[in-house]
């Protein structure tokens, strides 16, 4: 049992002692609810080709626009100086906080499904050049909280602190 608790302490220490020089971007934004890209997407028919395609729901379009706008504002206000779109490999940490009234979403949404909208929005806001740069989601969590919000950390990926490396 001691081995597991020491491993947990080591992992917690890595995330609690993030050095500011490895921080590329940080943002904490209130959201009405956490939106998943997978569900509730309408199927449309291309008028020219008559082929079906998957569209975006109004909730998804609205959430995506809001998130991109908030990321752009946060990038301009970064106290440590956002230096523009990064093309380096990155490590991201997403904290999805579910407030009262949103606990149904906490229990229903898969954590991995929540990543897609945030990752795509980071790309659309030019925080990262491409979401393929994301090498790790270690430390991402869902929380029951007093309010519903999202906190995003984008860090330089450091192979030496990769938690999956043996």
C-alpha atoms as a PDB file:
ATOM      1  CA  UNK A   1       0.000   0.000   0.000  1.00  0.00           C
ATOM      2  CA  UNK A   2       2.918   2.356   0.703  1.00  0.00           C
ATOM      3  CA  UNK A   3       4.026   2.102  -2.926  1.00  0.00           C
ATOM      4  CA  UNK A   4       0.686   3.315  -4.246  1.00  0.00           C
ATOM      5  CA  UNK A   5       0.443   6.235  -1.816  1.00  0.00           C
ATOM      6  CA  UNK A   6       4.003   7.350  -2.636  1.00  0.00           C
ATOM      7  CA  UNK A   7       3.180   7.174  -6.371  1.00  0.00           C
ATOM      8  CA  UNK A   8       0.062   9.293  -5.791  1.00  0.00           C
ATOM      9  CA  UNK A   9       2.121  11.865  -3.826  1.00  0.00           C
ATOM     10  CA  UNK A  10       4.711  11.963  -6.628  1.00  0.00           C
ATOM     11  CA  UNK A  11       2.022  12.569  -9.259  1.00  0.00           C
ATOM     12  CA  UNK A  12       0.351  15.275  -7.144  1.00  0.00           C
ATOM     13  CA  UNK A  13       3.688  16.997  -6.568  1.00  0.00           C
ATOM     14  CA  UNK A  14       4.366  17.118 -10.317  1.00  0.00           C
ATOM     15  CA  UNK A  15       1.082  18.931 -10.925  1.00  0.00           C
ATOM     16  CA  UNK A  16       1.200  21.173  -7.881  1.00  0.00           C
ATOM     17  CA  UNK A  17       4.699  22.383  -8.662  1.00  0.00           C
ATOM     18  CA  UNK A  18       4.210  23.462 -12.266  1.00  0.00           C
ATOM     19  CA  UNK A  19       6.934  25.931 -13.066  1.00  0.00           C
ATOM     20  CA  UNK A  20       5.691  29.156 -14.622  1.00  0.00           C
ATOM     21  CA  UNK A  21       8.334  28.957 -17.350  1.00  0.00           C
ATOM     22  CA  UNK A  22       6.661  25.783 -18.648  1.00  0.00           C
ATOM     23  CA  UNK A  23       3.222  27.471 -18.698  1.00  0.00           C
ATOM     24  CA  UNK A  24       2.125  28.531 -22.161  1.00  0.00           C
ATOM     25  CA  UNK A  25      -1.503  29.418 -21.422  1.00  0.00           C
ATOM     26  CA  UNK A  26      -3.958  29.397 -18.520  1.00  0.00           C
ATOM     27  CA  UNK A  27      -7.646  30.250 -18.492  1.00  0.00           C
ATOM     28  CA  UNK A  28     -10.522  29.839 -16.063  1.00  0.00           C
ATOM     29  CA  UNK A  29     -13.934  30.467 -17.574  1.00  0.00           C
ATOM     30  CA  UNK A  30     -17.480  30.105 -16.292  1.00  0.00           C
ATOM     31  CA  UNK A  31     -19.716  27.960 -18.500  1.00  0.00           C
ATOM     32  CA  UNK A  32     -23.443  27.308 -18.417  1.00  0.00           C
ATOM     33  CA  UNK A  33     -22.773  23.608 -18.984  1.00  0.00           C
ATOM     34  CA  UNK A  34     -19.978  21.444 -20.369  1.00  0.00           C
ATOM     35  CA  UNK A  35     -20.766  20.534 -23.981  1.00  0.00           C
ATOM     36  CA  UNK A  36     -19.688  17.317 -25.712  1.00  0.00           C
ATOM     37  CA  UNK A  37     -19.119  17.389 -29.483  1.00  0.00           C
ATOM     38  CA  UNK A  38     -20.322  13.814 -30.003  1.00  0.00           C
ATOM     39  CA  UNK A  39     -23.971  14.029 -28.980  1.00  0.00           C
ATOM     40  CA  UNK A  40     -26.996  15.749 -30.472  1.00  0.00           C
ATOM     41  CA  UNK A  41     -25.478  16.702 -33.811  1.00  0.00           C
ATOM     42  CA  UNK A  42     -28.002  17.085 -36.650  1.00  0.00           C
ATOM     43  CA  UNK A  43     -27.620  15.333 -39.987  1.00  0.00           C
ATOM     44  CA  UNK A  44     -27.974  17.653 -42.988  1.00  0.00           C
ATOM     45  CA  UNK A  45     -28.211  16.981 -46.706  1.00  0.00           C
ATOM     46  CA  UNK A  46     -25.764  18.662 -49.072  1.00  0.00           C
ATOM     47  CA  UNK A  47     -27.981  20.352 -51.678  1.00  0.00           C
ATOM     48  CA  UNK A  48     -25.488  19.962 -54.516  1.00  0.00           C
ATOM     49  CA  UNK A  49     -24.397  16.347 -53.962  1.00  0.00           C
ATOM     50  CA  UNK A  50     -27.454  15.092 -52.014  1.00  0.00           C
ATOM     51  CA  UNK A  51     -25.031  13.455 -49.580  1.00  0.00           C
ATOM     52  CA  UNK A  52     -25.643  13.598 -45.838  1.00  0.00           C
ATOM     53  CA  UNK A  53     -23.181  15.271 -43.485  1.00  0.00           C
ATOM     54  CA  UNK A  54     -23.063  15.850 -39.749  1.00  0.00           C
ATOM     55  CA  UNK A  55     -23.661  19.446 -38.696  1.00  0.00           C
ATOM     56  CA  UNK A  56     -23.285  21.294 -35.412  1.00  0.00           C
ATOM     57  CA  UNK A  57     -26.070  21.738 -32.895  1.00  0.00           C
ATOM     58  CA  UNK A  58     -26.906  25.268 -31.739  1.00  0.00           C
ATOM     59  CA  UNK A  59     -25.526  24.388 -28.279  1.00  0.00           C
ATOM     60  CA  UNK A  60     -22.247  23.209 -29.798  1.00  0.00           C
ATOM     61  CA  UNK A  61     -21.859  26.243 -32.091  1.00  0.00           C
ATOM     62  CA  UNK A  62     -22.630  28.615 -29.228  1.00  0.00           C
ATOM     63  CA  UNK A  63     -20.254  26.846 -26.796  1.00  0.00           C
ATOM     64  CA  UNK A  64     -17.472  26.747 -29.397  1.00  0.00           C
ATOM     65  CA  UNK A  65     -17.769  30.471 -30.205  1.00  0.00           C
ATOM     66  CA  UNK A  66     -17.896  31.414 -26.510  1.00  0.00           C
ATOM     67  CA  UNK A  67     -14.843  29.291 -25.684  1.00  0.00           C
ATOM     68  CA  UNK A  68     -12.751  30.639 -28.584  1.00  0.00           C
ATOM     69  CA  UNK A  69     -13.681  34.234 -27.675  1.00  0.00           C
ATOM     70  CA  UNK A  70     -12.787  33.663 -24.006  1.00  0.00           C
ATOM     71  CA  UNK A  71      -9.476  32.002 -24.915  1.00  0.00           C
ATOM     72  CA  UNK A  72      -8.577  34.974 -27.152  1.00  0.00           C
ATOM     73  CA  UNK A  73      -9.355  37.428 -24.334  1.00  0.00           C
ATOM     74  CA  UNK A  74      -7.388  35.349 -21.801  1.00  0.00           C
ATOM     75  CA  UNK A  75      -4.389  35.132 -24.148  1.00  0.00           C
ATOM     76  CA  UNK A  76      -4.224  38.938 -24.329  1.00  0.00           C
ATOM     77  CA  UNK A  77      -4.434  39.229 -20.530  1.00  0.00           C
ATOM     78  CA  UNK A  78      -1.882  36.551 -19.554  1.00  0.00           C
ATOM     79  CA  UNK A  79       0.295  37.873 -16.738  1.00  0.00           C
ATOM     80  CA  UNK A  80       3.250  35.730 -17.814  1.00  0.00           C
ATOM     81  CA  UNK A  81       2.990  36.931 -21.419  1.00  0.00           C
ATOM     82  CA  UNK A  82       1.383  34.736 -24.035  1.00  0.00           C
ATOM     83  CA  UNK A  83       3.897  34.604 -26.872  1.00  0.00           C
ATOM     84  CA  UNK A  84       1.548  33.579 -29.681  1.00  0.00           C
ATOM     85  CA  UNK A  85       0.562  30.299 -31.270  1.00  0.00           C
ATOM     86  CA  UNK A  86       2.834  27.478 -30.201  1.00  0.00           C
ATOM     87  CA  UNK A  87       3.844  24.678 -32.523  1.00  0.00           C
ATOM     88  CA  UNK A  88       5.727  22.768 -29.802  1.00  0.00           C
ATOM     89  CA  UNK A  89       4.402  19.538 -28.242  1.00  0.00           C
ATOM     90  CA  UNK A  90       2.160  20.408 -25.284  1.00  0.00           C
ATOM     91  CA  UNK A  91       0.724  18.888 -22.139  1.00  0.00           C
ATOM     92  CA  UNK A  92      -2.801  20.054 -21.289  1.00  0.00           C
ATOM     93  CA  UNK A  93      -4.760  19.834 -18.077  1.00  0.00           C
ATOM     94  CA  UNK A  94      -8.509  20.391 -18.172  1.00  0.00           C
ATOM     95  CA  UNK A  95     -10.505  20.760 -14.952  1.00  0.00           C
ATOM     96  CA  UNK A  96     -14.250  20.464 -15.578  1.00  0.00           C
ATOM     97  CA  UNK A  97     -16.141  21.789 -12.551  1.00  0.00           C
ATOM     98  CA  UNK A  98     -19.827  20.899 -12.260  1.00  0.00           C
ATOM     99  CA  UNK A  99     -21.885  23.164 -10.027  1.00  0.00           C
ATOM    100  CA  UNK A 100     -25.279  22.549  -8.436  1.00  0.00           C
ATOM    101  CA  UNK A 101     -27.850  21.726 -11.105  1.00  0.00           C
ATOM    102  CA  UNK A 102     -25.203  20.279 -13.430  1.00  0.00           C
ATOM    103  CA  UNK A 103     -24.525  17.054 -11.551  1.00  0.00           C
ATOM    104  CA  UNK A 104     -26.427  15.036 -14.182  1.00  0.00           C
ATOM    105  CA  UNK A 105     -23.756  16.061 -16.721  1.00  0.00           C
ATOM    106  CA  UNK A 106     -21.037  15.111 -14.246  1.00  0.00           C
ATOM    107  CA  UNK A 107     -22.354  11.562 -14.107  1.00  0.00           C
ATOM    108  CA  UNK A 108     -23.263  11.185 -17.798  1.00  0.00           C
ATOM    109  CA  UNK A 109     -20.375  12.726 -19.730  1.00  0.00           C
ATOM    110  CA  UNK A 110     -17.198  10.746 -20.348  1.00  0.00           C
ATOM    111  CA  UNK A 111     -14.083  12.712 -19.478  1.00  0.00           C
ATOM    112  CA  UNK A 112     -12.437  11.820 -22.805  1.00  0.00           C
ATOM    113  CA  UNK A 113     -15.461  13.164 -24.739  1.00  0.00           C
ATOM    114  CA  UNK A 114     -15.146  16.508 -22.948  1.00  0.00           C
ATOM    115  CA  UNK A 115     -11.581  16.986 -24.260  1.00  0.00           C
ATOM    116  CA  UNK A 116     -12.508  17.394 -27.923  1.00  0.00           C
ATOM    117  CA  UNK A 117     -14.353  20.740 -27.789  1.00  0.00           C
ATOM    118  CA  UNK A 118     -11.721  22.351 -25.567  1.00  0.00           C
ATOM    119  CA  UNK A 119      -8.823  21.051 -27.682  1.00  0.00           C
ATOM    120  CA  UNK A 120     -10.441  22.195 -30.939  1.00  0.00           C
ATOM    121  CA  UNK A 121     -11.209  25.602 -29.393  1.00  0.00           C
ATOM    122  CA  UNK A 122      -7.561  26.027 -28.328  1.00  0.00           C
ATOM    123  CA  UNK A 123      -6.638  25.426 -31.968  1.00  0.00           C
ATOM    124  CA  UNK A 124      -9.338  27.784 -33.319  1.00  0.00           C
ATOM    125  CA  UNK A 125      -8.179  30.496 -30.888  1.00  0.00           C
ATOM    126  CA  UNK A 126      -4.571  30.049 -32.128  1.00  0.00           C
ATOM    127  CA  UNK A 127      -3.244  29.062 -28.717  1.00  0.00           C
ATOM    128  CA  UNK A 128      -1.869  25.880 -30.292  1.00  0.00           C
ATOM    129  CA  UNK A 129      -1.305  25.366 -34.018  1.00  0.00           C
ATOM    130  CA  UNK A 130      -2.890  21.899 -34.122  1.00  0.00           C
ATOM    131  CA  UNK A 131      -4.510  19.721 -31.484  1.00  0.00           C
ATOM    132  CA  UNK A 132      -2.255  16.872 -32.679  1.00  0.00           C
ATOM    133  CA  UNK A 133       0.483  18.624 -30.650  1.00  0.00           C
ATOM    134  CA  UNK A 134      -1.211  17.525 -27.431  1.00  0.00           C
ATOM    135  CA  UNK A 135       0.937  14.719 -26.055  1.00  0.00           C
ATOM    136  CA  UNK A 136      -0.682  14.356 -22.628  1.00  0.00           C
ATOM    137  CA  UNK A 137      -3.940  15.017 -20.799  1.00  0.00           C
ATOM    138  CA  UNK A 138      -2.486  13.818 -17.457  1.00  0.00           C
ATOM    139  CA  UNK A 139      -4.084  15.550 -14.493  1.00  0.00           C
ATOM    140  CA  UNK A 140      -7.392  16.344 -16.225  1.00  0.00           C
ATOM    141  CA  UNK A 141     -10.395  15.816 -13.958  1.00  0.00           C
ATOM    142  CA  UNK A 142     -14.122  16.265 -13.415  1.00  0.00           C
ATOM    143  CA  UNK A 143     -15.139  17.850 -10.114  1.00  0.00           C
ATOM    144  CA  UNK A 144     -18.372  18.495  -8.258  1.00  0.00           C
ATOM    145  CA  UNK A 145     -18.055  22.149  -7.307  1.00  0.00           C
ATOM    146  CA  UNK A 146     -19.912  25.234  -6.083  1.00  0.00           C
ATOM    147  CA  UNK A 147     -20.138  26.625  -9.650  1.00  0.00           C
ATOM    148  CA  UNK A 148     -19.808  25.364 -13.212  1.00  0.00           C
ATOM    149  CA  UNK A 149     -16.590  26.397 -14.907  1.00  0.00           C
ATOM    150  CA  UNK A 150     -13.654  25.130 -16.934  1.00  0.00           C
ATOM    151  CA  UNK A 151      -9.994  25.643 -16.100  1.00  0.00           C
ATOM    152  CA  UNK A 152      -7.401  25.056 -18.811  1.00  0.00           C
ATOM    153  CA  UNK A 153      -3.625  24.783 -18.457  1.00  0.00           C
ATOM    154  CA  UNK A 154      -1.371  24.448 -21.505  1.00  0.00           C
ATOM    155  CA  UNK A 155       2.217  23.541 -20.659  1.00  0.00           C
ATOM    156  CA  UNK A 156       5.353  22.797 -22.610  1.00  0.00           C
ATOM    157  CA  UNK A 157       5.581  19.035 -22.945  1.00  0.00           C
ATOM    158  CA  UNK A 158       8.634  17.721 -21.158  1.00  0.00           C
ATOM    159  CA  UNK A 159       9.526  14.130 -21.989  1.00  0.00           C
ATOM    160  CA  UNK A 160      11.465  13.866 -18.715  1.00  0.00           C
ATOM    161  CA  UNK A 161       8.331  14.369 -16.618  1.00  0.00           C
ATOM    162  CA  UNK A 162       6.068  12.191 -18.747  1.00  0.00           C
ATOM    163  CA  UNK A 163       4.106  10.115 -16.228  1.00  0.00           C
ATOM    164  CA  UNK A 164       3.731   7.186 -18.635  1.00  0.00           C
ATOM    165  CA  UNK A 165       7.497   6.822 -19.159  1.00  0.00           C
ATOM    166  CA  UNK A 166       9.200   3.906 -17.366  1.00  0.00           C
END
